[in-house]
């Protein structure tokens, strides 16, 4: 860039250098009268001022603005031709009009300037018309014009290529800047995504642990408290007290085992070595014995092994629904139905208890919320039907994802 600017400045100063050299030769020529030499020097000074004002004082005009540069070139050629008529040394300035045409005139107008200069070098149109044999001068002027035009074309081609490469470099630099900015934005976005993923993972793990604690510790402690309260009521019956304490002890052990499994994110204990119908049968019979409420399990359809997450969700849903029956329903009996269908599996838990108005519960407590969260993760659905004095029915529907999809 700096080298190009220096070369461009040199081309613009070159006419003044040649003008100065020719003026010095003309001023020192003793064969010319002093008054004539003074006129020649004054005229050369006018040329210098003309060039300085039009080119050096307005560097934005050359090769860019046609009107002032056409006026400048016409004046420069005319003055150079006039000076050449006063002293032969100024033919240096006339010849310098060839490269000056490419320095001053934009685009193809430079070639028109070369043609005008060639006509001046040939002596002008009047000299050619009055000369008996003008061809030597014409051929000489055409040769000079052709050489100047060829050199000018090469210079213009080089300038065009340089400008093209410069534009390509600018575009590349701009693209690099955009890429760097995109890289920074991408890194920032990735950081935000990682932070969001960590927060989501933390929230998900907290939710999982909350559900597992509710389904294990909370329900186990609730059952233990129920058994201890029942034991207090039959304190005068040693056999009944021992029976209640045994149930409480078993609940405590089962709860401890479930806590350990939950911490390891394993399947509930009843599902580790048994299928879902057998696990639900043990759950229903154990719940019935613990709460002394008759309960039955009915299985419809062809039982099949399902994805562990599906079986865990159904097992926990029945566990939560029965826990709610024991805490709130005051039921005389309860029934659980496990239905295997083609695309879905449904569990229904019904009781004949006091019932409630579902709209007044605002979605239920944490147990029902945890149940819904589990089911929604499997694209399932939870429906609760109840009315005061008419019992309650909880229906959970989940996709029948086979165990092979694990």
Foldseek 3Di string as FASTA:
>chain_A
DVVVVVVLVCLLCVLVVLLVVLLVVLCPPPVDDNVLNVVLNVLSVVLVVLSCVLPVVCVVQAQHPAPSLVVSLVVQLVSLLVSCVSPVSSVSSLLSQLVVLLRGHHDPVSLVSLVVSLCSQLPHPVVCVPDPDSVVSNVVSVVSSVVSVVVSVVVVVVVVVVVVVVVVVVVVVVVVVVVVVVVVVVVVVVVVVVVVVVVVVVVVVVLLLVQLCCLFVVLLVVLLVVLCVVLVVVVVDVVSNVVSVVLNVVSVVQSVVSNVCSVVPHARPLPPPDALVVSVQVVQVSLCVSLVAAEEEAEEDDDAAFARLVSSLVSSVVSLVSSCCSPPFQFNHKYWYWYDDDWKIKIKIWTQGQWDDVVVQVQHDVSSVSSQVSLVVQVKDWDKDTDGRGTIMIMIMGTRHHRVVD
